[in-house]
PDB file of N, CA and C in Angstrom:
ATOM      1  N   MET A   1       0.834  -1.179   0.000  1.00  0.00           N
ATOM      2  CA  MET A   1       0.000   0.000   0.000  1.00  0.00           C
ATOM      3  C   MET A   1       0.876   1.239   0.000  1.00  0.00           C
ATOM      4  N   ILE A   2       0.337   2.284  -0.575  1.00  0.00           N
ATOM      5  CA  ILE A   2       0.985   3.584  -0.573  1.00  0.00           C
ATOM      6  C   ILE A   2       0.087   4.541   0.223  1.00  0.00           C
ATOM      7  N   ILE A   3       0.677   5.232   1.184  1.00  0.00           N
ATOM      8  CA  ILE A   3      -0.057   6.209   1.984  1.00  0.00           C
ATOM      9  C   ILE A   3       0.543   7.580   1.698  1.00  0.00           C
ATOM     10  N   ILE A   4      -0.329   8.538   1.418  1.00  0.00           N
ATOM     11  CA  ILE A   4       0.106   9.888   1.106  1.00  0.00           C
ATOM     12  C   ILE A   4      -0.565  10.862   2.065  1.00  0.00           C
ATOM     13  N   HIS A   5       0.235  11.745   2.652  1.00  0.00           N
ATOM     14  CA  HIS A   5      -0.268  12.844   3.480  1.00  0.00           C
ATOM     15  C   HIS A   5       0.096  14.132   2.748  1.00  0.00           C
ATOM     16  N   ALA A   6      -0.916  14.880   2.332  1.00  0.00           N
ATOM     17  CA  ALA A   6      -0.684  16.152   1.639  1.00  0.00           C
ATOM     18  C   ALA A   6      -1.224  17.280   2.507  1.00  0.00           C
ATOM     19  N   ALA A   7      -0.317  17.993   3.169  1.00  0.00           N
ATOM     20  CA  ALA A   7      -0.709  19.095   4.045  1.00  0.00           C
ATOM     21  C   ALA A   7      -0.820  20.366   3.216  1.00  0.00           C
ATOM     22  N   MET A   8      -1.921  21.102   3.464  1.00  0.00           N
ATOM     23  CA  MET A   8      -2.200  22.313   2.705  1.00  0.00           C
ATOM     24  C   MET A   8      -2.506  23.457   3.664  1.00  0.00           C
ATOM     25  N   ARG A   9      -1.818  24.575   3.462  1.00  0.00           N
ATOM     26  CA  ARG A   9      -2.105  25.784   4.228  1.00  0.00           C
ATOM     27  C   ARG A   9      -2.691  26.797   3.264  1.00  0.00           C
ATOM     28  N   LEU A  10      -3.904  27.267   3.584  1.00  0.00           N
ATOM     29  CA  LEU A  10      -4.627  28.144   2.680  1.00  0.00           C
ATOM     30  C   LEU A  10      -4.440  29.610   3.025  1.00  0.00           C
ATOM     31  N   GLN A  11      -4.667  30.431   2.028  1.00  0.00           N
ATOM     32  CA  GLN A  11      -4.720  31.869   2.250  1.00  0.00           C
ATOM     33  C   GLN A  11      -5.970  32.172   3.070  1.00  0.00           C
ATOM     34  N   PRO A  12      -5.893  33.093   4.020  1.00  0.00           N
ATOM     35  CA  PRO A  12      -7.092  33.459   4.791  1.00  0.00           C
ATOM     36  C   PRO A  12      -8.226  33.882   3.850  1.00  0.00           C
ATOM     37  N   GLY A  13      -9.422  33.431   4.183  1.00  0.00           N
ATOM     38  CA  GLY A  13     -10.597  33.775   3.396  1.00  0.00           C
ATOM     39  C   GLY A  13     -10.839  32.884   2.191  1.00  0.00           C
ATOM     40  N   LYS A  14      -9.996  31.900   1.975  1.00  0.00           N
ATOM     41  CA  LYS A  14     -10.121  31.039   0.802  1.00  0.00           C
ATOM     42  C   LYS A  14     -10.711  29.657   1.122  1.00  0.00           C
ATOM     43  N   ASP A  15     -11.049  29.402   2.385  1.00  0.00           N
ATOM     44  CA  ASP A  15     -11.511  28.064   2.778  1.00  0.00           C
ATOM     45  C   ASP A  15     -12.743  27.621   1.987  1.00  0.00           C
ATOM     46  N   ASP A  16     -13.741  28.465   1.871  1.00  0.00           N
ATOM     47  CA  ASP A  16     -14.975  28.074   1.191  1.00  0.00           C
ATOM     48  C   ASP A  16     -14.731  27.757  -0.277  1.00  0.00           C
ATOM     49  N   ALA A  17     -13.969  28.587  -0.963  1.00  0.00           N
ATOM     50  CA  ALA A  17     -13.659  28.344  -2.377  1.00  0.00           C
ATOM     51  C   ALA A  17     -12.840  27.065  -2.530  1.00  0.00           C
ATOM     52  N   PHE A  18     -11.898  26.842  -1.613  1.00  0.00           N
ATOM     53  CA  PHE A  18     -11.082  25.630  -1.619  1.00  0.00           C
ATOM     54  C   PHE A  18     -11.962  24.390  -1.470  1.00  0.00           C
ATOM     55  N   LEU A  19     -12.863  24.413  -0.501  1.00  0.00           N
ATOM     56  CA  LEU A  19     -13.733  23.259  -0.269  1.00  0.00           C
ATOM     57  C   LEU A  19     -14.641  22.996  -1.465  1.00  0.00           C
ATOM     58  N   LYS A  20     -15.112  24.042  -2.093  1.00  0.00           N
ATOM     59  CA  LYS A  20     -15.956  23.884  -3.282  1.00  0.00           C
ATOM     60  C   LYS A  20     -15.199  23.157  -4.388  1.00  0.00           C
ATOM     61  N   GLU A  21     -13.910  23.413  -4.510  1.00  0.00           N
ATOM     62  CA  GLU A  21     -13.094  22.781  -5.551  1.00  0.00           C
ATOM     63  C   GLU A  21     -12.587  21.400  -5.159  1.00  0.00           C
ATOM     64  N   ILE A  22     -12.272  21.204  -3.876  1.00  0.00           N
ATOM     65  CA  ILE A  22     -11.624  19.953  -3.495  1.00  0.00           C
ATOM     66  C   ILE A  22     -12.605  18.816  -3.208  1.00  0.00           C
ATOM     67  N   LEU A  23     -13.814  19.135  -2.767  1.00  0.00           N
ATOM     68  CA  LEU A  23     -14.753  18.058  -2.435  1.00  0.00           C
ATOM     69  C   LEU A  23     -15.114  17.190  -3.636  1.00  0.00           C
ATOM     70  N   PRO A  24     -15.275  17.737  -4.849  1.00  0.00           N
ATOM     71  CA  PRO A  24     -15.469  16.851  -6.005  1.00  0.00           C
ATOM     72  C   PRO A  24     -14.247  15.963  -6.275  1.00  0.00           C
ATOM     73  N   LEU A  25     -13.050  16.470  -6.007  1.00  0.00           N
ATOM     74  CA  LEU A  25     -11.841  15.660  -6.144  1.00  0.00           C
ATOM     75  C   LEU A  25     -11.883  14.483  -5.178  1.00  0.00           C
ATOM     76  N   VAL A  26     -12.283  14.740  -3.940  1.00  0.00           N
ATOM     77  CA  VAL A  26     -12.369  13.680  -2.934  1.00  0.00           C
ATOM     78  C   VAL A  26     -13.343  12.597  -3.409  1.00  0.00           C
ATOM     79  N   GLU A  27     -14.523  13.006  -3.830  1.00  0.00           N
ATOM     80  CA  GLU A  27     -15.540  12.045  -4.260  1.00  0.00           C
ATOM     81  C   GLU A  27     -15.073  11.226  -5.463  1.00  0.00           C
ATOM     82  N   ALA A  28     -14.515  11.879  -6.462  1.00  0.00           N
ATOM     83  CA  ALA A  28     -14.054  11.167  -7.661  1.00  0.00           C
ATOM     84  C   ALA A  28     -12.886  10.235  -7.343  1.00  0.00           C
ATOM     85  N   SER A  29     -11.991  10.670  -6.473  1.00  0.00           N
ATOM     86  CA  SER A  29     -10.826   9.854  -6.120  1.00  0.00           C
ATOM     87  C   SER A  29     -11.233   8.589  -5.382  1.00  0.00           C
ATOM     88  N   ARG A  30     -12.233   8.691  -4.548  1.00  0.00           N
ATOM     89  CA  ARG A  30     -12.715   7.510  -3.823  1.00  0.00           C
ATOM     90  C   ARG A  30     -13.253   6.445  -4.765  1.00  0.00           C
ATOM     91  N   GLY A  31     -13.716   6.849  -5.928  1.00  0.00           N
ATOM     92  CA  GLY A  31     -14.256   5.907  -6.897  1.00  0.00           C
ATOM     93  C   GLY A  31     -13.220   5.287  -7.818  1.00  0.00           C
ATOM     94  N   GLU A  32     -11.971   5.700  -7.697  1.00  0.00           N
ATOM     95  CA  GLU A  32     -10.932   5.180  -8.573  1.00  0.00           C
ATOM     96  C   GLU A  32     -10.541   3.752  -8.207  1.00  0.00           C
ATOM     97  N   SER A  33     -10.199   2.995  -9.228  1.00  0.00           N
ATOM     98  CA  SER A  33      -9.670   1.652  -9.017  1.00  0.00           C
ATOM     99  C   SER A  33      -8.351   1.768  -8.261  1.00  0.00           C
ATOM    100  N   GLY A  34      -8.184   0.980  -7.245  1.00  0.00           N
ATOM    101  CA  GLY A  34      -6.944   1.009  -6.470  1.00  0.00           C
ATOM    102  C   GLY A  34      -6.970   1.948  -5.287  1.00  0.00           C
ATOM    103  N   ASN A  35      -8.061   2.715  -5.126  1.00  0.00           N
ATOM    104  CA  ASN A  35      -8.157   3.597  -3.966  1.00  0.00           C
ATOM    105  C   ASN A  35      -8.708   2.827  -2.780  1.00  0.00           C
ATOM    106  N   VAL A  36      -8.029   2.913  -1.655  1.00  0.00           N
ATOM    107  CA  VAL A  36      -8.472   2.285  -0.413  1.00  0.00           C
ATOM    108  C   VAL A  36      -9.242   3.307   0.421  1.00  0.00           C
ATOM    109  N   SER A  37      -8.701   4.520   0.532  1.00  0.00           N
ATOM    110  CA  SER A  37      -9.406   5.610   1.204  1.00  0.00           C
ATOM    111  C   SER A  37      -8.820   6.933   0.761  1.00  0.00           C
ATOM    112  N   TYR A  38      -9.632   7.985   0.892  1.00  0.00           N
ATOM    113  CA  TYR A  38      -9.236   9.322   0.451  1.00  0.00           C
ATOM    114  C   TYR A  38     -10.024  10.298   1.308  1.00  0.00           C
ATOM    115  N   ASP A  39      -9.377  10.903   2.305  1.00  0.00           N
ATOM    116  CA  ASP A  39     -10.082  11.715   3.288  1.00  0.00           C
ATOM    117  C   ASP A  39      -9.381  13.050   3.509  1.00  0.00           C
ATOM    118  N   LEU A  40     -10.201  14.095   3.601  1.00  0.00           N
ATOM    119  CA  LEU A  40      -9.708  15.438   3.880  1.00  0.00           C
ATOM    120  C   LEU A  40     -10.011  15.779   5.331  1.00  0.00           C
ATOM    121  N   TYR A  41      -8.989  16.258   6.049  1.00  0.00           N
ATOM    122  CA  TYR A  41      -9.139  16.627   7.449  1.00  0.00           C
ATOM    123  C   TYR A  41      -8.766  18.088   7.643  1.00  0.00           C
ATOM    124  N   LYS A  42      -9.547  18.786   8.448  1.00  0.00           N
ATOM    125  CA  LYS A  42      -9.251  20.165   8.826  1.00  0.00           C
ATOM    126  C   LYS A  42      -8.492  20.122  10.143  1.00  0.00           C
ATOM    127  N   HIS A  43      -7.402  20.859  10.223  1.00  0.00           N
ATOM    128  CA  HIS A  43      -6.592  20.890  11.437  1.00  0.00           C
ATOM    129  C   HIS A  43      -7.408  21.498  12.572  1.00  0.00           C
ATOM    130  N   ALA A  44      -7.374  20.875  13.727  1.00  0.00           N
ATOM    131  CA  ALA A  44      -8.175  21.321  14.870  1.00  0.00           C
ATOM    132  C   ALA A  44      -7.621  22.584  15.536  1.00  0.00           C
ATOM    133  N   GLU A  45      -6.335  22.854  15.375  1.00  0.00           N
ATOM    134  CA  GLU A  45      -5.723  23.972  16.080  1.00  0.00           C
ATOM    135  C   GLU A  45      -5.193  25.077  15.164  1.00  0.00           C
ATOM    136  N   LYS A  46      -4.905  24.757  13.922  1.00  0.00           N
ATOM    137  CA  LYS A  46      -4.354  25.742  12.991  1.00  0.00           C
ATOM    138  C   LYS A  46      -5.437  26.199  12.028  1.00  0.00           C
ATOM    139  N   GLU A  47      -5.591  27.498  11.899  1.00  0.00           N
ATOM    140  CA  GLU A  47      -6.561  28.034  10.954  1.00  0.00           C
ATOM    141  C   GLU A  47      -6.075  27.809   9.521  1.00  0.00           C
ATOM    142  N   HIS A  48      -7.006  27.551   8.641  1.00  0.00           N
ATOM    143  CA  HIS A  48      -6.741  27.441   7.204  1.00  0.00           C
ATOM    144  C   HIS A  48      -5.768  26.308   6.874  1.00  0.00           C
ATOM    145  N   ALA A  49      -5.758  25.258   7.679  1.00  0.00           N
ATOM    146  CA  ALA A  49      -4.847  24.136   7.464  1.00  0.00           C
ATOM    147  C   ALA A  49      -5.645  22.842   7.304  1.00  0.00           C
ATOM    148  N   TYR A  50      -5.322  22.104   6.250  1.00  0.00           N
ATOM    149  CA  TYR A  50      -6.010  20.859   5.922  1.00  0.00           C
ATOM    150  C   TYR A  50      -4.958  19.811   5.560  1.00  0.00           C
ATOM    151  N   THR A  51      -5.333  18.539   5.732  1.00  0.00           N
ATOM    152  CA  THR A  51      -4.479  17.445   5.288  1.00  0.00           C
ATOM    153  C   THR A  51      -5.328  16.417   4.557  1.00  0.00           C
ATOM    154  N   MET A  52      -4.862  16.051   3.372  1.00  0.00           N
ATOM    155  CA  MET A  52      -5.482  14.969   2.622  1.00  0.00           C
ATOM    156  C   MET A  52      -4.704  13.702   2.975  1.00  0.00           C
ATOM    157  N   VAL A  53      -5.418  12.682   3.419  1.00  0.00           N
ATOM    158  CA  VAL A  53      -4.798  11.401   3.732  1.00  0.00           C
ATOM    159  C   VAL A  53      -5.333  10.394   2.722  1.00  0.00           C
ATOM    160  N   GLU A  54      -4.433   9.893   1.896  1.00  0.00           N
ATOM    161  CA  GLU A  54      -4.795   8.982   0.823  1.00  0.00           C
ATOM    162  C   GLU A  54      -4.159   7.616   1.075  1.00  0.00           C
ATOM    163  N   VAL A  55      -4.896   6.562   0.780  1.00  0.00           N
ATOM    164  CA  VAL A  55      -4.347   5.205   0.833  1.00  0.00           C
ATOM    165  C   VAL A  55      -4.664   4.554  -0.504  1.00  0.00           C
ATOM    166  N   TRP A  56      -3.620   4.040  -1.141  1.00  0.00           N
ATOM    167  CA  TRP A  56      -3.733   3.433  -2.463  1.00  0.00           C
ATOM    168  C   TRP A  56      -3.216   2.001  -2.426  1.00  0.00           C
ATOM    169  N   LYS A  57      -3.782   1.171  -3.274  1.00  0.00           N
ATOM    170  CA  LYS A  57      -3.400  -0.242  -3.350  1.00  0.00           C
ATOM    171  C   LYS A  57      -1.931  -0.401  -3.728  1.00  0.00           C
ATOM    172  N   ASP A  58      -1.471   0.391  -4.712  1.00  0.00           N
ATOM    173  CA  ASP A  58      -0.096   0.265  -5.185  1.00  0.00           C
ATOM    174  C   ASP A  58       0.313   1.527  -5.942  1.00  0.00           C
ATOM    175  N   GLN A  59       1.566   1.553  -6.386  1.00  0.00           N
ATOM    176  CA  GLN A  59       2.082   2.732  -7.082  1.00  0.00           C
ATOM    177  C   GLN A  59       1.357   2.962  -8.406  1.00  0.00           C
ATOM    178  N   GLN A  60       0.939   1.919  -9.063  1.00  0.00           N
ATOM    179  CA  GLN A  60       0.199   2.067 -10.315  1.00  0.00           C
ATOM    180  C   GLN A  60      -1.090   2.856 -10.094  1.00  0.00           C
ATOM    181  N   ALA A  61      -1.779   2.600  -8.992  1.00  0.00           N
ATOM    182  CA  ALA A  61      -3.002   3.338  -8.669  1.00  0.00           C
ATOM    183  C   ALA A  61      -2.696   4.814  -8.416  1.00  0.00           C
ATOM    184  N   VAL A  62      -1.579   5.106  -7.743  1.00  0.00           N
ATOM    185  CA  VAL A  62      -1.178   6.492  -7.492  1.00  0.00           C
ATOM    186  C   VAL A  62      -0.870   7.194  -8.813  1.00  0.00           C
ATOM    187  N   THR A  63      -0.125   6.523  -9.676  1.00  0.00           N
ATOM    188  CA  THR A  63       0.235   7.097 -10.972  1.00  0.00           C
ATOM    189  C   THR A  63      -1.009   7.405 -11.793  1.00  0.00           C
ATOM    190  N   SER A  64      -1.955   6.486 -11.789  1.00  0.00           N
ATOM    191  CA  SER A  64      -3.212   6.694 -12.511  1.00  0.00           C
ATOM    192  C   SER A  64      -3.976   7.881 -11.926  1.00  0.00           C
ATOM    193  N   HIS A  65      -4.046   7.953 -10.612  1.00  0.00           N
ATOM    194  CA  HIS A  65      -4.726   9.060  -9.940  1.00  0.00           C
ATOM    195  C   HIS A  65      -4.091  10.402 -10.301  1.00  0.00           C
ATOM    196  N   ASN A  66      -2.763  10.450 -10.268  1.00  0.00           N
ATOM    197  CA  ASN A  66      -2.064  11.711 -10.509  1.00  0.00           C
ATOM    198  C   ASN A  66      -2.238  12.224 -11.944  1.00  0.00           C
ATOM    199  N   SER A  67      -2.672  11.357 -12.850  1.00  0.00           N
ATOM    200  CA  SER A  67      -2.912  11.796 -14.225  1.00  0.00           C
ATOM    201  C   SER A  67      -4.410  11.911 -14.547  1.00  0.00           C
ATOM    202  N   SER A  68      -5.265  11.677 -13.541  1.00  0.00           N
ATOM    203  CA  SER A  68      -6.710  11.741 -13.767  1.00  0.00           C
ATOM    204  C   SER A  68      -7.162  13.176 -14.019  1.00  0.00           C
ATOM    205  N   ALA A  69      -8.278  13.313 -14.723  1.00  0.00           N
ATOM    206  CA  ALA A  69      -8.807  14.639 -15.048  1.00  0.00           C
ATOM    207  C   ALA A  69      -9.175  15.421 -13.789  1.00  0.00           C
ATOM    208  N   HIS A  70      -9.774  14.742 -12.797  1.00  0.00           N
ATOM    209  CA  HIS A  70     -10.190  15.456 -11.590  1.00  0.00           C
ATOM    210  C   HIS A  70      -8.988  15.920 -10.760  1.00  0.00           C
ATOM    211  N   PHE A  71      -7.913  15.141 -10.739  1.00  0.00           N
ATOM    212  CA  PHE A  71      -6.723  15.539  -9.991  1.00  0.00           C
ATOM    213  C   PHE A  71      -6.007  16.695 -10.692  1.00  0.00           C
ATOM    214  N   THR A  72      -5.804  16.580 -11.991  1.00  0.00           N
ATOM    215  CA  THR A  72      -5.092  17.632 -12.713  1.00  0.00           C
ATOM    216  C   THR A  72      -5.900  18.928 -12.742  1.00  0.00           C
ATOM    217  N   ALA A  73      -7.233  18.816 -12.784  1.00  0.00           N
ATOM    218  CA  ALA A  73      -8.062  20.026 -12.740  1.00  0.00           C
ATOM    219  C   ALA A  73      -7.888  20.742 -11.407  1.00  0.00           C
ATOM    220  N   PHE A  74      -7.887  19.984 -10.309  1.00  0.00           N
ATOM    221  CA  PHE A  74      -7.709  20.615  -9.000  1.00  0.00           C
ATOM    222  C   PHE A  74      -6.310  21.213  -8.862  1.00  0.00           C
ATOM    223  N   THR A  75      -5.291  20.472  -9.228  1.00  0.00           N
ATOM    224  CA  THR A  75      -3.931  20.990  -9.050  1.00  0.00           C
ATOM    225  C   THR A  75      -3.703  22.239  -9.901  1.00  0.00           C
ATOM    226  N   GLY A  76      -4.418  22.344 -11.019  1.00  0.00           N
ATOM    227  CA  GLY A  76      -4.320  23.549 -11.838  1.00  0.00           C
ATOM    228  C   GLY A  76      -4.894  24.777 -11.153  1.00  0.00           C
ATOM    229  N   LYS A  77      -5.818  24.580 -10.217  1.00  0.00           N
ATOM    230  CA  LYS A  77      -6.442  25.686  -9.497  1.00  0.00           C
ATOM    231  C   LYS A  77      -5.870  25.886  -8.093  1.00  0.00           C
ATOM    232  N   ALA A  78      -5.086  24.953  -7.607  1.00  0.00           N
ATOM    233  CA  ALA A  78      -4.639  24.965  -6.209  1.00  0.00           C
ATOM    234  C   ALA A  78      -3.895  26.243  -5.839  1.00  0.00           C
ATOM    235  N   GLY A  79      -3.171  26.816  -6.758  1.00  0.00           N
ATOM    236  CA  GLY A  79      -2.426  28.034  -6.477  1.00  0.00           C
ATOM    237  C   GLY A  79      -3.311  29.207  -6.077  1.00  0.00           C
ATOM    238  N   GLU A  80      -4.585  29.156  -6.463  1.00  0.00           N
ATOM    239  CA  GLU A  80      -5.523  30.215  -6.096  1.00  0.00           C
ATOM    240  C   GLU A  80      -5.831  30.213  -4.595  1.00  0.00           C
ATOM    241  N   PHE A  81      -5.595  29.082  -3.931  1.00  0.00           N
ATOM    242  CA  PHE A  81      -5.986  28.909  -2.530  1.00  0.00           C
ATOM    243  C   PHE A  81      -4.808  28.803  -1.573  1.00  0.00           C
ATOM    244  N   LEU A  82      -3.715  28.232  -2.043  1.00  0.00           N
ATOM    245  CA  LEU A  82      -2.613  27.888  -1.146  1.00  0.00           C
ATOM    246  C   LEU A  82      -1.774  29.101  -0.751  1.00  0.00           C
ATOM    247  N   ALA A  83      -1.395  29.135   0.525  1.00  0.00           N
ATOM    248  CA  ALA A  83      -0.512  30.173   1.042  1.00  0.00           C
ATOM    249  C   ALA A  83       0.944  29.715   1.023  1.00  0.00           C
ATOM    250  N   ALA A  84       1.148  28.413   0.814  1.00  0.00           N
ATOM    251  CA  ALA A  84       2.485  27.821   0.793  1.00  0.00           C
ATOM    252  C   ALA A  84       2.430  26.580  -0.093  1.00  0.00           C
ATOM    253  N   PRO A  85       3.582  26.121  -0.564  1.00  0.00           N
ATOM    254  CA  PRO A  85       3.573  24.894  -1.362  1.00  0.00           C
ATOM    255  C   PRO A  85       3.024  23.717  -0.557  1.00  0.00           C
ATOM    256  N   LEU A  86       2.434  22.759  -1.268  1.00  0.00           N
ATOM    257  CA  LEU A  86       1.971  21.529  -0.618  1.00  0.00           C
ATOM    258  C   LEU A  86       3.130  20.870   0.105  1.00  0.00           C
ATOM    259  N   ASP A  87       2.846  20.275   1.241  1.00  0.00           N
ATOM    260  CA  ASP A  87       3.828  19.486   1.984  1.00  0.00           C
ATOM    261  C   ASP A  87       3.369  18.038   1.861  1.00  0.00           C
ATOM    262  N   VAL A  88       3.977  17.313   0.915  1.00  0.00           N
ATOM    263  CA  VAL A  88       3.531  15.949   0.603  1.00  0.00           C
ATOM    264  C   VAL A  88       4.545  14.946   1.131  1.00  0.00           C
ATOM    265  N   LYS A  89       4.023  13.977   1.870  1.00  0.00           N
ATOM    266  CA  LYS A  89       4.844  12.874   2.371  1.00  0.00           C
ATOM    267  C   LYS A  89       4.226  11.571   1.864  1.00  0.00           C
ATOM    268  N   VAL A  90       5.067  10.684   1.344  1.00  0.00           N
ATOM    269  CA  VAL A  90       4.602   9.422   0.766  1.00  0.00           C
ATOM    270  C   VAL A  90       5.264   8.281   1.526  1.00  0.00           C
ATOM    271  N   TYR A  91       4.433   7.305   1.900  1.00  0.00           N
ATOM    272  CA  TYR A  91       4.910   6.163   2.685  1.00  0.00           C
ATOM    273  C   TYR A  91       4.516   4.855   2.011  1.00  0.00           C
ATOM    274  N   ALA A  92       5.403   3.881   2.065  1.00  0.00           N
ATOM    275  CA  ALA A  92       5.065   2.521   1.648  1.00  0.00           C
ATOM    276  C   ALA A  92       4.685   1.768   2.914  1.00  0.00           C
ATOM    277  N   ALA A  93       3.585   1.023   2.864  1.00  0.00           N
ATOM    278  CA  ALA A  93       3.098   0.362   4.074  1.00  0.00           C
ATOM    279  C   ALA A  93       2.545  -1.015   3.742  1.00  0.00           C
ATOM    280  N   GLU A  94       2.386  -1.785   4.773  1.00  0.00           N
ATOM    281  CA  GLU A  94       1.703  -3.072   4.650  1.00  0.00           C
ATOM    282  C   GLU A  94       0.775  -3.219   5.841  1.00  0.00           C
ATOM    283  N   ALA A  95      -0.317  -3.909   5.623  1.00  0.00           N
ATOM    284  CA  ALA A  95      -1.283  -4.112   6.695  1.00  0.00           C
ATOM    285  C   ALA A  95      -0.679  -5.011   7.769  1.00  0.00           C
ATOM    286  N   VAL A  96      -0.959  -4.692   9.001  1.00  0.00           N
ATOM    287  CA  VAL A  96      -0.486  -5.475  10.138  1.00  0.00           C
ATOM    288  C   VAL A  96      -1.695  -6.145  10.783  1.00  0.00           C
ATOM    289  N   LYS A  97      -1.655  -7.447  10.907  1.00  0.00           N
ATOM    290  CA  LYS A  97      -2.753  -8.172  11.558  1.00  0.00           C
ATOM    291  C   LYS A  97      -2.524  -8.156  13.054  1.00  0.00           C
ATOM    292  N   VAL A  98      -3.560  -7.776  13.797  1.00  0.00           N
ATOM    293  CA  VAL A  98      -3.426  -7.739  15.258  1.00  0.00           C
ATOM    294  C   VAL A  98      -4.372  -8.728  15.904  1.00  0.00           C
TER     295      VAL A  98
END
């Protein structure tokens, strides 16, 4: 599995416009082949801070996602909202049975 954490810090006053653009991305991404989960979280203590937590079956699924129309459309608009570059961390993982 591939786990991606994409931290986003928005310009003040841009939260509503950001959510309007990103929520369709979340919905479409969840429907992609190879997607395990795709969730957007708002930081509880920092204003205008969000993190996308993505879990993908494999690197092929990530590559397909990164070239999808919904992903490229959002990334083309992301500069309108972001106050800083995305902080993306990618992890390789395996399920642990407990």
